[in-house]
Amino acid sequence: MNSNNIAPPPPQGYQHFGAGAPSNYNFQYSACTGRRKALLIGINYTGQPNALHGCINDVANMSSFLHTKYGYRREDMVILTDDQRNPMSVPTKANIIRAMHWLVKDAQPHDSLFIHFSGHGGRTPDLDGDEDDGFDDVIYPVDYRVAGHIVDDDMHAIMVRPLRPGVRLTAIFDSCHSGTALDLPYIYSTQGVLKEPNLAKEAAQDLFSAISSYGQGDLSSVASTAIGFFKKAANGGQARERTLMTKTSPADVVMFSGSKDTQTSADTFQDGQARGALSWAFIKALQRWPQQSYLQLLNTIRAELDGKYTQKPQLSCSHPLDVNLRFVM
């Protein structure tokens, strides 16, 4: 990477959304010069089926990174991990939702908020018609077997919808099926192009997956992929329009997720300890090149993982993003 070609900072003042967005919408980039708050959630699910190993380490490393490199104060961080004795610091569903409300409460323009989730993610059938693939993304609290999961629609309603123009929320979701975990409607490719869902192609892939699963005797996958096929075929375009109209935001919300909605994310071993692949790559990329553009950062993260893992980290935003601007938080 050419360190002499430093990306420009975000412009100030209101920006127009442009084609495809609600006609009466403007948004504002955050200068990230105000208050900083962070919510860091790491769940190893110790003693449960499908336990993970690196999620608590991810949170410890992210906390140190935010404090030393970006000036987040320890007292302005809420850390929820399943190795803590204080019951208020355990990542139960109730505690996570309470902490999400805390994160965005009283946020002002140019504040910089940060949420990091490292743990299990999944998918559930979409009930409100805003998902191209017919499924909502979910995250699993430590008590999910009793309390249930947390759906992307709810996380968007809590952490994105209330934010004012110019408030920054940076989200890192290091979990499976996390591509649209905050339901941000503007998703960018590694060439910086706004992705438009190829619904016919994706629906056909789902149908092929359903047939393959049937041949392998995996009847649960048959059911879920078949549902996805029929919903895409019938509702895909309508879902895209609904998402643009209901999930577009004048705030400055940017998310890097560990994988596409259809992919899993790796629990791996890096630099001598168990780590989540995205959490490790995000920190590593910014330590090496602190003043990257959004597009450069997406490609640097992918380059860190290329050849090691099949997952493809995703970049999404609450508004149309000039991906050549400098990444700030």
Protein backbone atom coordinates (compact mmCIF):
# COMPACT_ATOMS: atom_id res chain seq x y z
CA MET A 1 0.00 0.00 0.00
CA ASN A 2 1.27 3.49 -0.90
CA SER A 3 1.50 5.36 2.40
CA ASN A 4 2.01 8.67 0.53
CA ASN A 5 -1.47 8.48 -0.95
CA ILE A 6 -3.46 9.32 2.19
CA ALA A 7 -7.22 9.25 1.79
CA PRO A 8 -9.04 12.56 2.41
CA PRO A 9 -11.04 13.05 5.63
CA PRO A 10 -14.85 12.97 5.52
CA PRO A 11 -16.53 16.20 4.37
CA GLN A 12 -18.60 18.19 6.83
CA GLY A 13 -22.15 19.40 6.38
CA TYR A 14 -25.14 17.58 4.98
CA GLN A 15 -24.68 15.21 2.06
CA HIS A 16 -27.31 14.14 -0.45
CA PHE A 17 -28.15 10.47 -0.65
CA GLY A 18 -28.44 10.32 -4.41
CA ALA A 19 -30.22 7.79 -6.59
CA GLY A 20 -31.99 4.89 -4.98
CA ALA A 21 -32.51 6.46 -1.56
CA PRO A 22 -35.57 8.28 -0.22
CA SER A 23 -35.71 11.61 -2.06
CA ASN A 24 -36.06 13.75 1.07
CA TYR A 25 -33.03 12.26 2.88
CA ASN A 26 -29.72 13.88 3.70
CA PHE A 27 -26.98 12.45 5.89
CA GLN A 28 -23.90 13.71 7.68
CA TYR A 29 -20.49 12.12 8.07
CA SER A 30 -19.04 12.19 11.56
CA ALA A 31 -15.71 13.87 12.24
CA CYS A 32 -15.38 11.56 15.29
CA THR A 33 -14.16 14.43 17.45
CA GLY A 34 -16.77 14.11 20.21
CA ARG A 35 -17.34 11.63 23.00
CA ARG A 36 -16.25 8.02 22.54
CA LYS A 37 -18.18 5.02 23.89
CA ALA A 38 -17.68 1.32 23.19
CA LEU A 39 -19.64 -1.88 23.80
CA LEU A 40 -17.53 -5.04 23.51
CA ILE A 41 -19.19 -8.47 23.67
CA GLY A 42 -17.27 -11.75 23.63
CA ILE A 43 -18.92 -15.12 24.24
CA ASN A 44 -17.05 -18.44 24.35
CA TYR A 45 -20.18 -20.41 25.43
CA THR A 46 -18.01 -22.34 27.87
CA GLY A 47 -19.58 -25.66 28.87
CA GLN A 48 -22.18 -25.46 26.10
CA PRO A 49 -22.37 -27.35 22.79
CA ASN A 50 -20.30 -25.70 20.03
CA ALA A 51 -18.15 -23.74 22.47
CA LEU A 52 -15.74 -21.19 20.99
CA HIS A 53 -12.23 -20.32 22.18
CA GLY A 54 -11.17 -16.89 20.94
CA CYS A 55 -14.08 -14.54 21.60
CA ILE A 56 -13.04 -13.34 25.06
CA ASN A 57 -9.52 -12.78 23.73
CA ASP A 58 -11.02 -10.75 20.88
CA VAL A 59 -12.69 -8.38 23.33
CA ALA A 60 -9.53 -7.96 25.42
CA ASN A 61 -7.49 -7.19 22.30
CA MET A 62 -10.11 -4.81 20.88
CA SER A 63 -10.36 -2.95 24.19
CA SER A 64 -6.60 -2.38 24.27
CA PHE A 65 -6.57 -1.37 20.61
CA LEU A 66 -9.37 1.19 21.03
CA HIS A 67 -7.74 2.63 24.15
CA THR A 68 -4.19 2.95 22.82
CA LYS A 69 -4.85 3.83 19.16
CA TYR A 70 -8.16 5.72 19.19
CA GLY A 71 -8.38 7.26 22.66
CA TYR A 72 -11.39 5.37 23.99
CA ARG A 73 -11.31 5.61 27.79
CA ARG A 74 -11.70 2.43 29.82
CA GLU A 75 -14.50 4.01 31.85
CA ASP A 76 -16.45 4.63 28.62
CA MET A 77 -16.39 0.95 27.65
CA VAL A 78 -18.90 -1.70 28.64
CA ILE A 79 -17.40 -5.19 28.38
CA LEU A 80 -19.63 -8.26 28.46
CA THR A 81 -17.90 -11.66 28.52
CA ASP A 82 -18.97 -15.03 29.86
CA ASP A 83 -15.97 -15.42 32.18
CA GLN A 84 -17.04 -12.58 34.51
CA ARG A 85 -18.48 -13.05 37.99
CA ASN A 86 -20.49 -9.84 38.11
CA PRO A 87 -23.93 -10.90 36.80
CA MET A 88 -24.38 -7.50 35.10
CA SER A 89 -21.25 -8.13 33.01
CA VAL A 90 -22.32 -11.52 31.66
CA PRO A 91 -23.54 -11.36 28.02
CA THR A 92 -27.11 -12.50 28.61
CA LYS A 93 -29.81 -11.34 26.22
CA ALA A 94 -31.12 -8.83 28.76
CA ASN A 95 -27.66 -7.43 29.51
CA ILE A 96 -26.74 -7.12 25.83
CA ILE A 97 -29.95 -5.26 24.99
CA ARG A 98 -29.52 -2.99 28.02
CA ALA A 99 -25.93 -2.22 26.97
CA MET A 100 -27.00 -1.46 23.39
CA HIS A 101 -29.41 1.16 24.71
CA TRP A 102 -26.61 2.60 26.89
CA LEU A 103 -24.28 2.84 23.90
CA VAL A 104 -26.51 5.15 21.87
CA LYS A 105 -28.16 7.09 24.70
CA ASP A 106 -27.72 10.88 24.40
CA ALA A 107 -25.39 10.55 21.40
CA GLN A 108 -24.50 13.88 19.77
CA PRO A 109 -23.19 14.76 16.30
CA HIS A 110 -19.51 13.81 15.88
CA ASP A 111 -19.58 11.35 18.77
CA SER A 112 -17.89 8.05 17.94
CA LEU A 113 -19.66 4.91 19.15
CA PHE A 114 -18.26 1.42 18.69
CA ILE A 115 -19.79 -2.05 19.04
CA HIS A 116 -17.87 -5.29 18.72
CA PHE A 117 -19.54 -8.70 18.88
CA SER A 118 -17.53 -11.92 18.81
CA GLY A 119 -19.60 -15.06 19.19
CA HIS A 120 -22.14 -17.26 17.46
CA GLY A 121 -24.44 -15.89 14.77
CA GLY A 122 -27.17 -17.50 12.72
CA ARG A 123 -30.26 -16.99 10.59
CA THR A 124 -34.00 -17.13 11.19
CA PRO A 125 -36.93 -16.75 8.74
CA ASP A 126 -37.65 -13.08 8.00
CA LEU A 127 -41.07 -11.97 9.24
CA ASP A 128 -41.28 -8.37 7.99
CA GLY A 129 -40.24 -8.71 4.35
CA ASP A 130 -37.05 -6.61 4.44
CA GLU A 131 -34.53 -9.36 3.63
CA ASP A 132 -33.57 -10.24 0.04
CA ASP A 133 -32.83 -13.85 0.99
CA GLY A 134 -35.87 -14.39 3.21
CA PHE A 135 -33.81 -14.63 6.42
CA ASP A 136 -32.91 -12.29 9.27
CA ASP A 137 -29.42 -12.41 10.80
CA VAL A 138 -29.27 -13.13 14.53
CA ILE A 139 -26.68 -13.22 17.30
CA TYR A 140 -26.74 -15.68 20.18
CA PRO A 141 -26.39 -14.44 23.78
CA VAL A 142 -24.84 -16.79 26.31
CA ASP A 143 -28.34 -17.72 27.55
CA TYR A 144 -29.86 -18.19 24.08
CA ARG A 145 -31.20 -21.65 24.91
CA VAL A 146 -33.50 -20.04 27.48
CA ALA A 147 -33.87 -16.42 26.36
CA GLY A 148 -33.55 -16.84 22.59
CA HIS A 149 -31.52 -14.93 20.02
CA ILE A 150 -31.36 -11.21 19.12
CA VAL A 151 -32.58 -10.36 15.60
CA ASP A 152 -30.98 -7.83 13.24
CA ASP A 153 -34.26 -5.86 13.01
CA ASP A 154 -34.17 -5.30 16.77
CA MET A 155 -30.49 -4.31 16.80
CA HIS A 156 -31.18 -1.80 14.02
CA ALA A 157 -34.14 -0.37 15.94
CA ILE A 158 -32.07 0.03 19.12
CA MET A 159 -28.72 1.23 17.78
CA VAL A 160 -29.27 2.78 14.33
CA ARG A 161 -32.74 4.28 14.12
CA PRO A 162 -32.38 6.67 17.11
CA LEU A 163 -29.09 8.20 15.94
CA ARG A 164 -28.94 11.81 14.78
CA PRO A 165 -27.08 13.00 11.66
CA GLY A 166 -23.33 13.13 12.25
CA VAL A 167 -23.25 10.45 14.96
CA ARG A 168 -20.81 7.68 14.14
CA LEU A 169 -21.43 4.04 15.01
CA THR A 170 -18.71 1.62 13.95
CA ALA A 171 -19.77 -2.02 14.20
CA ILE A 172 -17.59 -5.13 14.03
CA PHE A 173 -19.60 -8.37 13.95
CA ASP A 174 -17.26 -11.36 14.08
CA SER A 175 -19.87 -14.09 13.79
CA CYS A 176 -21.35 -16.48 11.25
CA HIS A 177 -24.02 -15.23 8.83
CA SER A 178 -23.27 -11.63 9.83
CA GLY A 179 -23.23 -9.85 6.46
CA THR A 180 -26.24 -7.66 7.25
CA ALA A 181 -26.33 -8.03 11.04
CA LEU A 182 -27.41 -4.39 11.50
CA ASP A 183 -29.63 -4.29 8.39
CA LEU A 184 -27.58 -1.52 6.78
CA PRO A 185 -28.84 -1.23 3.20
CA TYR A 186 -25.70 -0.06 1.36
CA ILE A 187 -23.22 -2.92 0.85
CA TYR A 188 -19.97 -2.42 -1.07
CA SER A 189 -17.78 -4.72 -3.11
CA THR A 190 -13.98 -4.84 -3.00
CA GLN A 191 -14.02 -2.59 -6.10
CA GLY A 192 -16.04 0.02 -4.21
CA VAL A 193 -19.21 -0.67 -6.17
CA LEU A 194 -22.58 -0.61 -4.45
CA LYS A 195 -23.90 -4.15 -4.56
CA GLU A 196 -27.30 -4.79 -6.06
CA PRO A 197 -28.56 -8.25 -5.17
CA ASN A 198 -28.65 -10.66 -8.11
CA LEU A 199 -31.83 -12.28 -6.90
CA ALA A 200 -32.28 -14.73 -9.77
CA LYS A 201 -28.73 -16.06 -9.36
CA GLU A 202 -29.00 -16.26 -5.56
CA ALA A 203 -32.38 -17.97 -5.72
CA ALA A 204 -31.01 -20.54 -8.15
CA GLN A 205 -28.05 -21.17 -5.83
CA ASP A 206 -30.46 -21.75 -2.95
CA LEU A 207 -32.46 -24.23 -5.01
CA PHE A 208 -29.25 -26.08 -5.94
CA SER A 209 -28.26 -26.15 -2.24
CA ALA A 210 -31.66 -27.56 -1.32
CA ILE A 211 -31.32 -30.33 -3.90
CA SER A 212 -27.78 -31.11 -2.71
CA SER A 213 -28.89 -31.22 0.93
CA TYR A 214 -31.72 -33.58 0.03
CA GLY A 215 -29.26 -35.89 -1.66
CA GLN A 216 -27.12 -35.88 1.50
CA GLY A 217 -30.09 -36.50 3.78
CA ASP A 218 -29.86 -33.05 5.44
CA LEU A 219 -33.58 -32.35 5.66
CA SER A 220 -33.26 -29.26 7.90
CA SER A 221 -31.09 -27.56 5.27
CA VAL A 222 -33.61 -28.57 2.60
CA ALA A 223 -36.33 -26.72 4.47
CA SER A 224 -34.36 -23.54 5.13
CA THR A 225 -32.87 -23.22 1.65
CA ALA A 226 -36.17 -23.99 -0.03
CA ILE A 227 -37.84 -21.25 2.01
CA GLY A 228 -35.07 -18.88 0.93
CA PHE A 229 -35.53 -19.82 -2.73
CA PHE A 230 -39.25 -19.17 -2.80
CA LYS A 231 -38.97 -15.92 -0.83
CA LYS A 232 -36.24 -14.60 -3.11
CA ALA A 233 -38.16 -15.54 -6.21
CA ALA A 234 -41.34 -13.88 -4.97
CA ASN A 235 -40.22 -10.99 -2.77
CA GLY A 236 -36.58 -10.14 -3.50
CA GLY A 237 -37.08 -6.82 -5.31
CA GLN A 238 -39.76 -5.71 -2.87
CA ALA A 239 -37.48 -6.55 0.06
CA ARG A 240 -34.70 -4.39 -1.38
CA GLU A 241 -37.06 -1.43 -1.80
CA ARG A 242 -38.46 -1.89 1.69
CA THR A 243 -34.96 -1.98 3.18
CA LEU A 244 -33.91 1.24 1.41
CA MET A 245 -37.03 3.03 2.62
CA THR A 246 -37.03 1.79 6.21
CA LYS A 247 -33.35 1.14 7.10
CA THR A 248 -31.62 4.12 5.46
CA SER A 249 -30.36 6.52 8.14
CA PRO A 250 -29.02 10.10 8.27
CA ALA A 251 -26.46 8.96 10.87
CA ASP A 252 -22.98 7.69 9.97
CA VAL A 253 -23.17 3.95 10.67
CA VAL A 254 -20.49 1.68 9.20
CA MET A 255 -20.15 -2.06 9.73
CA PHE A 256 -17.47 -4.62 8.95
CA SER A 257 -18.86 -8.14 9.28
CA GLY A 258 -17.01 -11.42 9.40
CA SER A 259 -18.73 -13.07 6.46
CA LYS A 260 -21.55 -12.96 3.97
CA ASP A 261 -25.03 -13.79 5.26
CA THR A 262 -24.61 -17.30 3.86
CA GLN A 263 -21.11 -17.95 5.26
CA THR A 264 -19.57 -19.01 8.55
CA SER A 265 -16.77 -17.11 10.33
CA ALA A 266 -13.65 -18.79 11.67
CA ASP A 267 -12.59 -19.24 15.29
CA THR A 268 -8.85 -19.45 14.72
CA PHE A 269 -5.36 -19.24 16.25
CA GLN A 270 -3.27 -16.15 15.47
CA ASP A 271 -0.27 -14.48 17.12
CA GLY A 272 -0.07 -17.16 19.78
CA GLN A 273 -3.69 -17.18 20.96
CA ALA A 274 -7.22 -18.16 19.96
CA ARG A 275 -8.84 -15.32 18.00
CA GLY A 276 -11.80 -14.56 15.78
CA ALA A 277 -10.53 -14.14 12.22
CA LEU A 278 -12.22 -10.78 11.52
CA SER A 279 -11.34 -9.27 14.91
CA TRP A 280 -7.69 -10.18 14.38
CA ALA A 281 -7.60 -8.94 10.77
CA PHE A 282 -9.32 -5.62 11.58
CA ILE A 283 -6.79 -4.76 14.28
CA LYS A 284 -3.84 -6.01 12.24
CA ALA A 285 -4.85 -4.00 9.17
CA LEU A 286 -5.20 -0.71 11.07
CA GLN A 287 -2.01 -1.25 13.05
CA ARG A 288 -0.07 -1.60 9.81
CA TRP A 289 -1.78 1.22 7.90
CA PRO A 290 -3.70 3.58 10.22
CA GLN A 291 -4.89 6.05 7.54
CA GLN A 292 -6.61 3.86 4.99
CA SER A 293 -9.75 4.60 3.04
CA TYR A 294 -12.83 2.47 3.66
CA LEU A 295 -12.17 0.58 0.43
CA GLN A 296 -8.50 0.04 1.26
CA LEU A 297 -9.42 -1.22 4.72
CA LEU A 298 -11.94 -3.72 3.35
CA ASN A 299 -9.35 -5.05 0.92
CA THR A 300 -6.59 -5.10 3.55
CA ILE A 301 -8.81 -7.11 5.91
CA ARG A 302 -9.62 -9.54 3.12
CA ALA A 303 -5.94 -9.81 2.19
CA GLU A 304 -5.06 -10.73 5.79
CA LEU A 305 -7.53 -13.64 5.58
CA ASP A 306 -6.96 -14.63 1.96
CA GLY A 307 -5.63 -18.14 1.57
CA LYS A 308 -6.34 -18.96 5.21
CA TYR A 309 -10.15 -18.86 5.36
CA THR A 310 -13.06 -18.99 2.92
CA GLN A 311 -15.08 -16.24 4.63
CA LYS A 312 -15.42 -12.88 2.87
CA PRO A 313 -15.73 -9.90 5.26
CA GLN A 314 -18.36 -7.37 4.20
CA LEU A 315 -18.59 -3.55 4.35
CA SER A 316 -22.02 -1.98 4.76
CA CYS A 317 -23.30 1.47 5.63
CA SER A 318 -26.48 3.29 6.65
CA HIS A 319 -26.07 5.77 3.78
CA PRO A 320 -24.33 5.87 0.39
CA LEU A 321 -20.63 5.86 1.26
CA ASP A 322 -17.74 7.48 -0.58
CA VAL A 323 -15.45 4.50 -0.06
CA ASN A 324 -12.36 6.54 -0.98
CA LEU A 325 -12.68 8.74 2.11
CA ARG A 326 -10.41 8.09 5.07
CA PHE A 327 -11.70 5.57 7.60
CA VAL A 328 -12.13 7.35 10.93
CA MET A 329 -13.66 6.35 14.24
